[in-house]
Amino acid sequence: MSDGRYHFVQTYLKRKPIMLRNDFQWGMPSNIALDEFAKTKSGQVFRRKYYSFKRGEYLYDTKTDPLEQTPLRNLTAEQIAVHSELTAQVSRFIRETKDLGFVPVEFKKDKQFEQWLAADFNYNKLYDLVELVSTVSLNNVPELTKLIDDKSPVIRFWAVQGFAELAAQGVLKSVPKRFIEVANKDHSAVSAVALETLVYLEQKGAVEALIKNDSKLQKRSALETIAYLRPELLLSHVRRLEQSNLNKTTVKVIKSALGVIKATAIASKKQLKDGIAVNKERRELYPLPSVKQK
């Protein structure tokens, strides 16, 4: 959201690194170079910024920082007012548009639009929950515990995300008994996030259960996130990953995040060739970067 000068970005899952990406990007030379740079000694500041936890929100002053390199801190009175207004605008916007970006793809797959959610689905309940998750604290555990019994799997999915955020941050030390049942018996997408939570808590058998989970998308996202945030939790399971039903690209993505293989080993030769071609033949940028002439 922007007022023309200030640009505000709201995020909802801080544990998900900025550098998580789509498969086609593994063939992009620049992305590969960034991944390898982040593994070097000189790239550790870059790694912490883009391959670890991200901020819950970012506010940029495009007048003084046109490339949006440094989020503002220690806001002035004027900036506090701008921040408050842009935050409110984002909150209003997702409600007014009934933003469905918060509904996991696996709840939409092979369904017509009108089948994605129940006719009586409470949209505001979802948006209140995702905003709670974006700033979640241990004080919210009682409310999240109630919501993991909600009739809607979308609400349960986001309630479990709240637990995962706390566990990833290291502030959650245990989960209610009901949570274990969710990890074992709920919709596979919900269970995948619950199992990710249990992996952070180092519960015995959680990694193995996550690898066997039926949710391809959420399982991959969970494993890749763990690989970046807590690689020590997966390093002893590389062989198990290789022998699982995960597709080859997913396994290589996770191994690269763990530092077991280089990012150059993920894409096929054709993907690498296509990635170079796209960068060479892409449309002209507008506005064009300024270049000093000799």
C-alpha atoms as a PDB file:
ATOM      1  CA  MET A   1       0.000   0.000   0.000  1.00  0.00           C
ATOM      2  CA  SER A   2       1.377   3.409  -0.910  1.00  0.00           C
ATOM      3  CA  ASP A   3       0.410   7.053  -0.504  1.00  0.00           C
ATOM      4  CA  GLY A   4       2.746   8.070  -3.324  1.00  0.00           C
ATOM      5  CA  ARG A   5       5.788   8.636  -1.144  1.00  0.00           C
ATOM      6  CA  TYR A   6       5.698   5.962   1.521  1.00  0.00           C
ATOM      7  CA  HIS A   7       5.402   2.288   0.590  1.00  0.00           C
ATOM      8  CA  PHE A   8       4.045  -0.115   3.212  1.00  0.00           C
ATOM      9  CA  VAL A   9       4.334  -3.915   2.979  1.00  0.00           C
ATOM     10  CA  GLN A  10       2.463  -6.225   5.351  1.00  0.00           C
ATOM     11  CA  THR A  11       3.578  -9.830   5.805  1.00  0.00           C
ATOM     12  CA  TYR A  12       1.690 -12.515   7.715  1.00  0.00           C
ATOM     13  CA  LEU A  13       4.135 -15.414   8.167  1.00  0.00           C
ATOM     14  CA  LYS A  14       7.448 -14.056   9.409  1.00  0.00           C
ATOM     15  CA  ARG A  15       9.147 -17.448   9.505  1.00  0.00           C
ATOM     16  CA  LYS A  16       8.839 -17.881   5.723  1.00  0.00           C
ATOM     17  CA  PRO A  17      12.078 -16.534   4.171  1.00  0.00           C
ATOM     18  CA  ILE A  18      11.801 -13.939   1.437  1.00  0.00           C
ATOM     19  CA  MET A  19      13.874 -16.140  -0.887  1.00  0.00           C
ATOM     20  CA  LEU A  20      11.353 -19.017  -1.048  1.00  0.00           C
ATOM     21  CA  ARG A  21      10.518 -19.249  -4.754  1.00  0.00           C
ATOM     22  CA  ASN A  22       8.771 -20.969  -7.628  1.00  0.00           C
ATOM     23  CA  ASP A  23      10.417 -23.834  -9.522  1.00  0.00           C
ATOM     24  CA  PHE A  24      11.116 -21.857 -12.704  1.00  0.00           C
ATOM     25  CA  GLN A  25      13.307 -19.459 -10.721  1.00  0.00           C
ATOM     26  CA  TRP A  26      15.837 -22.188 -10.005  1.00  0.00           C
ATOM     27  CA  GLY A  27      16.947 -21.783 -13.610  1.00  0.00           C
ATOM     28  CA  MET A  28      17.579 -18.057 -13.227  1.00  0.00           C
ATOM     29  CA  PRO A  29      21.324 -17.224 -13.053  1.00  0.00           C
ATOM     30  CA  SER A  30      20.810 -14.327 -10.642  1.00  0.00           C
ATOM     31  CA  ASN A  31      18.817 -16.430  -8.174  1.00  0.00           C
ATOM     32  CA  ILE A  32      21.413 -19.200  -8.269  1.00  0.00           C
ATOM     33  CA  ALA A  33      24.192 -16.668  -7.659  1.00  0.00           C
ATOM     34  CA  LEU A  34      22.331 -15.178  -4.698  1.00  0.00           C
ATOM     35  CA  ASP A  35      21.792 -18.611  -3.151  1.00  0.00           C
ATOM     36  CA  GLU A  36      25.467 -19.460  -3.394  1.00  0.00           C
ATOM     37  CA  PHE A  37      26.541 -16.036  -2.124  1.00  0.00           C
ATOM     38  CA  ALA A  38      24.321 -16.520   0.943  1.00  0.00           C
ATOM     39  CA  LYS A  39      26.311 -19.638   1.824  1.00  0.00           C
ATOM     40  CA  THR A  40      29.642 -17.800   1.893  1.00  0.00           C
ATOM     41  CA  LYS A  41      31.251 -16.120   4.884  1.00  0.00           C
ATOM     42  CA  SER A  42      30.868 -12.673   3.321  1.00  0.00           C
ATOM     43  CA  GLY A  43      27.208 -13.361   2.516  1.00  0.00           C
ATOM     44  CA  GLN A  44      25.975 -13.998   6.058  1.00  0.00           C
ATOM     45  CA  VAL A  45      24.364 -10.572   6.504  1.00  0.00           C
ATOM     46  CA  PHE A  46      22.577 -11.126   3.206  1.00  0.00           C
ATOM     47  CA  ARG A  47      21.561 -14.617   4.361  1.00  0.00           C
ATOM     48  CA  ARG A  48      20.054 -13.347   7.616  1.00  0.00           C
ATOM     49  CA  LYS A  49      18.078 -10.733   5.703  1.00  0.00           C
ATOM     50  CA  TYR A  50      16.640 -12.916   2.935  1.00  0.00           C
ATOM     51  CA  TYR A  51      16.986 -16.563   4.012  1.00  0.00           C
ATOM     52  CA  SER A  52      15.758 -16.346   7.582  1.00  0.00           C
ATOM     53  CA  PHE A  53      12.906 -14.680   9.441  1.00  0.00           C
ATOM     54  CA  LYS A  54      11.499 -11.594   7.779  1.00  0.00           C
ATOM     55  CA  ARG A  55       9.891  -8.585   9.367  1.00  0.00           C
ATOM     56  CA  GLY A  56       6.157  -8.447   9.956  1.00  0.00           C
ATOM     57  CA  GLU A  57       5.966  -5.180   8.059  1.00  0.00           C
ATOM     58  CA  TYR A  58       8.143  -2.842   6.037  1.00  0.00           C
ATOM     59  CA  LEU A  59       7.770   0.908   5.584  1.00  0.00           C
ATOM     60  CA  TYR A  60       9.924   2.665   2.971  1.00  0.00           C
ATOM     61  CA  ASP A  61      10.370   6.352   2.197  1.00  0.00           C
ATOM     62  CA  THR A  62      10.735   6.314  -1.590  1.00  0.00           C
ATOM     63  CA  LYS A  63      11.851   9.955  -1.597  1.00  0.00           C
ATOM     64  CA  THR A  64      15.028   9.248   0.344  1.00  0.00           C
ATOM     65  CA  ASP A  65      15.245   5.525  -0.516  1.00  0.00           C
ATOM     66  CA  PRO A  66      13.841   5.102  -4.067  1.00  0.00           C
ATOM     67  CA  LEU A  67      15.145   1.520  -4.422  1.00  0.00           C
ATOM     68  CA  GLU A  68      13.542   0.537  -1.097  1.00  0.00           C
ATOM     69  CA  GLN A  69      16.729  -0.884   0.363  1.00  0.00           C
ATOM     70  CA  THR A  70      16.269   0.026   4.026  1.00  0.00           C
ATOM     71  CA  PRO A  71      12.970  -0.259   5.936  1.00  0.00           C
ATOM     72  CA  LEU A  72      12.377   2.706   8.239  1.00  0.00           C
ATOM     73  CA  ARG A  73      13.024   2.382  11.968  1.00  0.00           C
ATOM     74  CA  ASN A  74      12.571   4.885  14.809  1.00  0.00           C
ATOM     75  CA  LEU A  75       9.691   6.577  13.009  1.00  0.00           C
ATOM     76  CA  THR A  76       9.033  10.297  13.284  1.00  0.00           C
ATOM     77  CA  ALA A  77       5.614  11.525  14.390  1.00  0.00           C
ATOM     78  CA  GLU A  78       4.672  12.069  10.717  1.00  0.00           C
ATOM     79  CA  GLN A  79       5.825   8.585   9.760  1.00  0.00           C
ATOM     80  CA  ILE A  80       3.929   7.008  12.660  1.00  0.00           C
ATOM     81  CA  ALA A  81       0.753   8.616  11.358  1.00  0.00           C
ATOM     82  CA  VAL A  82       1.473   7.409   7.811  1.00  0.00           C
ATOM     83  CA  HIS A  83       2.241   3.921   9.069  1.00  0.00           C
ATOM     84  CA  SER A  84      -1.026   3.804  11.013  1.00  0.00           C
ATOM     85  CA  GLU A  85      -3.064   4.925   8.006  1.00  0.00           C
ATOM     86  CA  LEU A  86      -1.433   2.532   5.520  1.00  0.00           C
ATOM     87  CA  THR A  87      -1.801  -0.372   7.952  1.00  0.00           C
ATOM     88  CA  ALA A  88      -5.500   0.410   8.286  1.00  0.00           C
ATOM     89  CA  GLN A  89      -5.844   0.656   4.497  1.00  0.00           C
ATOM     90  CA  VAL A  90      -4.337  -2.814   4.015  1.00  0.00           C
ATOM     91  CA  SER A  91      -6.697  -4.220   6.626  1.00  0.00           C
ATOM     92  CA  ARG A  92      -9.695  -2.578   4.951  1.00  0.00           C
ATOM     93  CA  PHE A  93      -8.587  -3.653   1.486  1.00  0.00           C
ATOM     94  CA  ILE A  94      -8.354  -7.395   2.208  1.00  0.00           C
ATOM     95  CA  ARG A  95     -11.836  -7.245   3.722  1.00  0.00           C
ATOM     96  CA  GLU A  96     -13.452  -5.160   1.002  1.00  0.00           C
ATOM     97  CA  THR A  97     -12.049  -7.384  -1.759  1.00  0.00           C
ATOM     98  CA  LYS A  98     -12.593 -10.637   0.163  1.00  0.00           C
ATOM     99  CA  ASP A  99      -8.959 -11.500  -0.561  1.00  0.00           C
ATOM    100  CA  LEU A 100      -8.665 -15.241  -1.214  1.00  0.00           C
ATOM    101  CA  GLY A 101      -4.879 -15.294  -1.207  1.00  0.00           C
ATOM    102  CA  PHE A 102      -5.082 -16.596   2.353  1.00  0.00           C
ATOM    103  CA  VAL A 103      -6.837 -19.780   1.206  1.00  0.00           C
ATOM    104  CA  PRO A 104      -4.254 -22.535   0.594  1.00  0.00           C
ATOM    105  CA  VAL A 105      -4.084 -23.805  -2.989  1.00  0.00           C
ATOM    106  CA  GLU A 106      -4.887 -27.325  -1.837  1.00  0.00           C
ATOM    107  CA  PHE A 107      -8.337 -26.174  -0.701  1.00  0.00           C
ATOM    108  CA  LYS A 108      -8.982 -24.756  -4.186  1.00  0.00           C
ATOM    109  CA  LYS A 109      -7.549 -27.475  -6.413  1.00  0.00           C
ATOM    110  CA  ASP A 110      -9.975 -29.107  -8.853  1.00  0.00           C
ATOM    111  CA  LYS A 111     -12.846 -27.020  -7.477  1.00  0.00           C
ATOM    112  CA  GLN A 112     -14.958 -24.271  -9.009  1.00  0.00           C
ATOM    113  CA  PHE A 113     -14.597 -20.856  -7.369  1.00  0.00           C
ATOM    114  CA  GLU A 114     -17.921 -21.107  -5.534  1.00  0.00           C
ATOM    115  CA  GLN A 115     -16.791 -24.418  -3.994  1.00  0.00           C
ATOM    116  CA  TRP A 116     -13.634 -23.064  -2.394  1.00  0.00           C
ATOM    117  CA  LEU A 117     -15.385 -21.953   0.788  1.00  0.00           C
ATOM    118  CA  ALA A 118     -18.659 -22.826   2.499  1.00  0.00           C
ATOM    119  CA  ALA A 119     -21.599 -20.549   1.735  1.00  0.00           C
ATOM    120  CA  ASP A 120     -21.610 -19.304   5.337  1.00  0.00           C
ATOM    121  CA  PHE A 121     -17.834 -18.813   5.523  1.00  0.00           C
ATOM    122  CA  ASN A 122     -16.894 -15.968   7.863  1.00  0.00           C
ATOM    123  CA  TYR A 123     -14.375 -13.883   5.915  1.00  0.00           C
ATOM    124  CA  ASN A 124     -13.799 -11.364   8.692  1.00  0.00           C
ATOM    125  CA  LYS A 125     -12.980 -14.208  11.064  1.00  0.00           C
ATOM    126  CA  LEU A 126     -10.242 -15.295   8.637  1.00  0.00           C
ATOM    127  CA  TYR A 127      -8.816 -11.792   8.255  1.00  0.00           C
ATOM    128  CA  ASP A 128      -8.869 -11.209  12.016  1.00  0.00           C
ATOM    129  CA  LEU A 129      -6.973 -14.476  12.417  1.00  0.00           C
ATOM    130  CA  VAL A 130      -4.289 -13.822   9.792  1.00  0.00           C
ATOM    131  CA  GLU A 131      -3.656 -10.413  11.347  1.00  0.00           C
ATOM    132  CA  LEU A 132      -3.365 -12.063  14.758  1.00  0.00           C
ATOM    133  CA  VAL A 133      -0.860 -14.565  13.332  1.00  0.00           C
ATOM    134  CA  SER A 134       1.221 -11.721  11.863  1.00  0.00           C
ATOM    135  CA  THR A 135       1.890 -10.422  15.399  1.00  0.00           C
ATOM    136  CA  VAL A 136       1.285 -13.638  17.351  1.00  0.00           C
ATOM    137  CA  SER A 137       2.503 -14.031  20.922  1.00  0.00           C
ATOM    138  CA  LEU A 138       2.142 -16.621  23.672  1.00  0.00           C
ATOM    139  CA  ASN A 139      -0.849 -14.650  24.949  1.00  0.00           C
ATOM    140  CA  ASN A 140      -2.743 -15.803  21.842  1.00  0.00           C
ATOM    141  CA  VAL A 141      -2.297 -19.542  22.505  1.00  0.00           C
ATOM    142  CA  PRO A 142      -5.698 -19.977  24.251  1.00  0.00           C
ATOM    143  CA  GLU A 143      -7.512 -18.380  21.305  1.00  0.00           C
ATOM    144  CA  LEU A 144      -5.515 -20.384  18.757  1.00  0.00           C
ATOM    145  CA  THR A 145      -6.285 -23.567  20.695  1.00  0.00           C
ATOM    146  CA  LYS A 146     -10.015 -22.906  20.355  1.00  0.00           C
ATOM    147  CA  LEU A 147      -9.682 -22.176  16.645  1.00  0.00           C
ATOM    148  CA  ILE A 148      -7.986 -25.488  15.806  1.00  0.00           C
ATOM    149  CA  ASP A 149     -11.440 -27.000  16.388  1.00  0.00           C
ATOM    150  CA  ASP A 150     -13.164 -24.635  13.955  1.00  0.00           C
ATOM    151  CA  LYS A 151     -15.418 -26.269  11.369  1.00  0.00           C
ATOM    152  CA  SER A 152     -13.541 -24.574   8.518  1.00  0.00           C
ATOM    153  CA  PRO A 153     -10.215 -26.170   7.508  1.00  0.00           C
ATOM    154  CA  VAL A 154      -9.040 -22.734   6.338  1.00  0.00           C
ATOM    155  CA  ILE A 155      -9.471 -21.318   9.838  1.00  0.00           C
ATOM    156  CA  ARG A 156      -7.794 -24.391  11.350  1.00  0.00           C
ATOM    157  CA  PHE A 157      -4.931 -23.976   8.865  1.00  0.00           C
ATOM    158  CA  TRP A 158      -4.264 -20.417  10.000  1.00  0.00           C
ATOM    159  CA  ALA A 159      -4.699 -21.245  13.688  1.00  0.00           C
ATOM    160  CA  VAL A 160      -1.993 -23.896  13.316  1.00  0.00           C
ATOM    161  CA  GLN A 161       0.182 -21.330  11.508  1.00  0.00           C
ATOM    162  CA  GLY A 162       0.094 -19.283  14.695  1.00  0.00           C
ATOM    163  CA  PHE A 163       1.566 -22.199  16.648  1.00  0.00           C
ATOM    164  CA  ALA A 164       4.190 -22.760  13.925  1.00  0.00           C
ATOM    165  CA  GLU A 165       5.268 -19.119  14.081  1.00  0.00           C
ATOM    166  CA  LEU A 166       5.768 -19.295  17.845  1.00  0.00           C
ATOM    167  CA  ALA A 167       7.591 -22.626  17.676  1.00  0.00           C
ATOM    168  CA  ALA A 168       9.921 -21.400  14.918  1.00  0.00           C
ATOM    169  CA  GLN A 169      10.751 -18.335  16.999  1.00  0.00           C
ATOM    170  CA  GLY A 170      11.637 -20.597  19.920  1.00  0.00           C
ATOM    171  CA  VAL A 171       9.107 -19.092  22.340  1.00  0.00           C
ATOM    172  CA  LEU A 172       6.649 -22.010  22.287  1.00  0.00           C
ATOM    173  CA  LYS A 173       7.818 -24.993  24.328  1.00  0.00           C
ATOM    174  CA  SER A 174       4.777 -27.293  24.177  1.00  0.00           C
ATOM    175  CA  VAL A 175       1.384 -27.688  22.497  1.00  0.00           C
ATOM    176  CA  PRO A 176      -2.025 -28.763  23.819  1.00  0.00           C
ATOM    177  CA  LYS A 177      -2.994 -32.415  23.508  1.00  0.00           C
ATOM    178  CA  ARG A 178      -5.611 -31.549  20.885  1.00  0.00           C
ATOM    179  CA  PHE A 179      -2.847 -30.169  18.666  1.00  0.00           C
ATOM    180  CA  ILE A 180      -1.239 -33.616  18.386  1.00  0.00           C
ATOM    181  CA  GLU A 181      -4.535 -34.989  17.054  1.00  0.00           C
ATOM    182  CA  VAL A 182      -4.625 -32.239  14.431  1.00  0.00           C
ATOM    183  CA  ALA A 183      -1.099 -33.174  13.335  1.00  0.00           C
ATOM    184  CA  ASN A 184      -2.177 -36.766  12.813  1.00  0.00           C
ATOM    185  CA  LYS A 185      -5.766 -36.613  11.580  1.00  0.00           C
ATOM    186  CA  ASP A 186      -6.701 -33.242  10.053  1.00  0.00           C
ATOM    187  CA  HIS A 187      -6.643 -32.191   6.380  1.00  0.00           C
ATOM    188  CA  SER A 188      -3.151 -32.908   5.032  1.00  0.00           C
ATOM    189  CA  ALA A 189      -2.393 -29.197   4.509  1.00  0.00           C
ATOM    190  CA  VAL A 190      -3.334 -28.424   8.115  1.00  0.00           C
ATOM    191  CA  SER A 191      -1.445 -31.456   9.409  1.00  0.00           C
ATOM    192  CA  ALA A 192       1.698 -30.485   7.466  1.00  0.00           C
ATOM    193  CA  VAL A 193       1.890 -27.144   9.274  1.00  0.00           C
ATOM    194  CA  ALA A 194       1.143 -28.841  12.607  1.00  0.00           C
ATOM    195  CA  LEU A 195       3.949 -31.326  11.982  1.00  0.00           C
ATOM    196  CA  GLU A 196       6.300 -28.480  11.067  1.00  0.00           C
ATOM    197  CA  THR A 197       5.499 -27.027  14.488  1.00  0.00           C
ATOM    198  CA  LEU A 198       6.359 -30.330  16.173  1.00  0.00           C
ATOM    199  CA  VAL A 199       9.649 -30.502  14.253  1.00  0.00           C
ATOM    200  CA  TYR A 200      10.676 -27.134  15.745  1.00  0.00           C
ATOM    201  CA  LEU A 201       9.743 -28.547  19.163  1.00  0.00           C
ATOM    202  CA  GLU A 202      11.959 -31.548  18.334  1.00  0.00           C
ATOM    203  CA  GLN A 203       9.216 -34.068  19.006  1.00  0.00           C
ATOM    204  CA  LYS A 204      10.290 -37.612  18.220  1.00  0.00           C
ATOM    205  CA  GLY A 205       9.047 -38.859  14.837  1.00  0.00           C
ATOM    206  CA  ALA A 206       7.842 -35.434  13.657  1.00  0.00           C
ATOM    207  CA  VAL A 207      10.300 -35.159  10.755  1.00  0.00           C
ATOM    208  CA  GLU A 208       9.460 -38.652   9.536  1.00  0.00           C
ATOM    209  CA  ALA A 209       5.713 -37.914   9.737  1.00  0.00           C
ATOM    210  CA  LEU A 210       6.143 -34.634   7.867  1.00  0.00           C
ATOM    211  CA  ILE A 211       8.068 -36.324   5.061  1.00  0.00           C
ATOM    212  CA  LYS A 212       5.225 -38.852   4.711  1.00  0.00           C
ATOM    213  CA  ASN A 213       2.487 -36.191   4.765  1.00  0.00           C
ATOM    214  CA  ASP A 214       0.187 -36.147   1.706  1.00  0.00           C
ATOM    215  CA  SER A 215       0.188 -32.384   1.220  1.00  0.00           C
ATOM    216  CA  LYS A 216       2.790 -31.861  -1.499  1.00  0.00           C
ATOM    217  CA  LEU A 217       2.731 -28.066  -1.390  1.00  0.00           C
ATOM    218  CA  GLN A 218       2.590 -27.466   2.354  1.00  0.00           C
ATOM    219  CA  LYS A 219       5.032 -30.288   3.029  1.00  0.00           C
ATOM    220  CA  ARG A 220       7.580 -28.795   0.656  1.00  0.00           C
ATOM    221  CA  SER A 221       7.106 -25.314   2.087  1.00  0.00           C
ATOM    222  CA  ALA A 222       7.503 -26.649   5.625  1.00  0.00           C
ATOM    223  CA  LEU A 223      10.633 -28.678   4.872  1.00  0.00           C
ATOM    224  CA  GLU A 224      12.291 -25.874   2.939  1.00  0.00           C
ATOM    225  CA  THR A 225      11.516 -23.386   5.710  1.00  0.00           C
ATOM    226  CA  ILE A 226      12.964 -25.718   8.350  1.00  0.00           C
ATOM    227  CA  ALA A 227      16.054 -26.227   6.179  1.00  0.00           C
ATOM    228  CA  TYR A 228      16.733 -22.489   6.190  1.00  0.00           C
ATOM    229  CA  LEU A 229      15.788 -21.743   9.804  1.00  0.00           C
ATOM    230  CA  ARG A 230      16.897 -24.908  11.638  1.00  0.00           C
ATOM    231  CA  PRO A 231      19.034 -27.009   9.256  1.00  0.00           C
ATOM    232  CA  GLU A 232      20.328 -29.145  12.114  1.00  0.00           C
ATOM    233  CA  LEU A 233      16.829 -30.632  12.451  1.00  0.00           C
ATOM    234  CA  LEU A 234      16.940 -32.087   8.921  1.00  0.00           C
ATOM    235  CA  LEU A 235      20.595 -32.851   8.207  1.00  0.00           C
ATOM    236  CA  SER A 236      20.358 -36.351   9.640  1.00  0.00           C
ATOM    237  CA  HIS A 237      17.293 -37.056   7.466  1.00  0.00           C
ATOM    238  CA  VAL A 238      18.792 -36.366   4.023  1.00  0.00           C
ATOM    239  CA  ARG A 239      18.816 -40.047   3.128  1.00  0.00           C
ATOM    240  CA  ARG A 240      15.183 -40.358   4.176  1.00  0.00           C
ATOM    241  CA  LEU A 241      14.289 -37.357   1.981  1.00  0.00           C
ATOM    242  CA  GLU A 242      16.036 -38.967  -0.990  1.00  0.00           C
ATOM    243  CA  GLN A 243      14.103 -42.217  -0.503  1.00  0.00           C
ATOM    244  CA  SER A 244      10.715 -40.530   0.008  1.00  0.00           C
ATOM    245  CA  ASN A 245       7.977 -39.883  -2.550  1.00  0.00           C
ATOM    246  CA  LEU A 246       9.000 -36.219  -2.812  1.00  0.00           C
ATOM    247  CA  ASN A 247       9.756 -35.233  -6.399  1.00  0.00           C
ATOM    248  CA  LYS A 248      13.413 -34.836  -7.356  1.00  0.00           C
ATOM    249  CA  THR A 249      13.290 -31.036  -7.608  1.00  0.00           C
ATOM    250  CA  THR A 250      11.840 -30.700  -4.113  1.00  0.00           C
ATOM    251  CA  VAL A 251      14.548 -32.924  -2.648  1.00  0.00           C
ATOM    252  CA  LYS A 252      17.270 -30.915  -4.405  1.00  0.00           C
ATOM    253  CA  VAL A 253      15.737 -27.628  -3.237  1.00  0.00           C
ATOM    254  CA  ILE A 254      15.807 -28.819   0.372  1.00  0.00           C
ATOM    255  CA  LYS A 255      19.336 -30.211   0.048  1.00  0.00           C
ATOM    256  CA  SER A 256      20.519 -26.903  -1.397  1.00  0.00           C
ATOM    257  CA  ALA A 257      18.920 -25.000   1.486  1.00  0.00           C
ATOM    258  CA  LEU A 258      20.747 -27.358   3.860  1.00  0.00           C
ATOM    259  CA  GLY A 259      24.024 -26.670   2.048  1.00  0.00           C
ATOM    260  CA  VAL A 260      24.420 -30.318   1.019  1.00  0.00           C
ATOM    261  CA  ILE A 261      24.470 -29.463  -2.703  1.00  0.00           C
ATOM    262  CA  LYS A 262      24.950 -26.272  -4.699  1.00  0.00           C
ATOM    263  CA  ALA A 263      22.015 -24.330  -6.117  1.00  0.00           C
ATOM    264  CA  THR A 264      23.438 -24.957  -9.588  1.00  0.00           C
ATOM    265  CA  ALA A 265      22.538 -28.646  -9.185  1.00  0.00           C
ATOM    266  CA  ILE A 266      18.786 -28.036  -8.873  1.00  0.00           C
ATOM    267  CA  ALA A 267      17.698 -27.040 -12.383  1.00  0.00           C
ATOM    268  CA  SER A 268      18.052 -29.229 -15.458  1.00  0.00           C
ATOM    269  CA  LYS A 269      20.306 -28.144 -18.320  1.00  0.00           C
ATOM    270  CA  LYS A 270      17.216 -27.075 -20.256  1.00  0.00           C
ATOM    271  CA  GLN A 271      15.947 -24.974 -17.331  1.00  0.00           C
ATOM    272  CA  LEU A 272      19.332 -23.293 -17.005  1.00  0.00           C
ATOM    273  CA  LYS A 273      19.409 -22.601 -20.754  1.00  0.00           C
ATOM    274  CA  ASP A 274      15.870 -21.188 -20.665  1.00  0.00           C
ATOM    275  CA  GLY A 275      16.707 -19.076 -17.626  1.00  0.00           C
ATOM    276  CA  ILE A 276      19.638 -17.449 -19.408  1.00  0.00           C
ATOM    277  CA  ALA A 277      17.507 -16.870 -22.515  1.00  0.00           C
ATOM    278  CA  VAL A 278      14.728 -15.166 -20.528  1.00  0.00           C
ATOM    279  CA  ASN A 279      17.198 -12.784 -18.935  1.00  0.00           C
ATOM    280  CA  LYS A 280      18.780 -11.931 -22.278  1.00  0.00           C
ATOM    281  CA  GLU A 281      15.535 -11.448 -24.167  1.00  0.00           C
ATOM    282  CA  ARG A 282      13.304  -9.902 -21.515  1.00  0.00           C
ATOM    283  CA  ARG A 283      11.402  -6.725 -22.268  1.00  0.00           C
ATOM    284  CA  GLU A 284      13.018  -3.347 -21.672  1.00  0.00           C
ATOM    285  CA  LEU A 285      12.692  -2.024 -18.151  1.00  0.00           C
ATOM    286  CA  TYR A 286      10.623   1.089 -17.640  1.00  0.00           C
ATOM    287  CA  PRO A 287      11.693   3.417 -16.286  1.00  0.00           C
ATOM    288  CA  LEU A 288      15.174   2.483 -17.421  1.00  0.00           C
ATOM    289  CA  PRO A 289      17.952   2.482 -14.819  1.00  0.00           C
ATOM    290  CA  SER A 290      20.067   5.615 -14.999  1.00  0.00           C
ATOM    291  CA  VAL A 291      23.474   4.983 -16.534  1.00  0.00           C
ATOM    292  CA  LYS A 292      26.337   7.449 -16.442  1.00  0.00           C
ATOM    293  CA  GLN A 293      27.812   7.910 -19.897  1.00  0.00           C
ATOM    294  CA  LYS A 294      31.577   8.036 -20.259  1.00  0.00           C
END
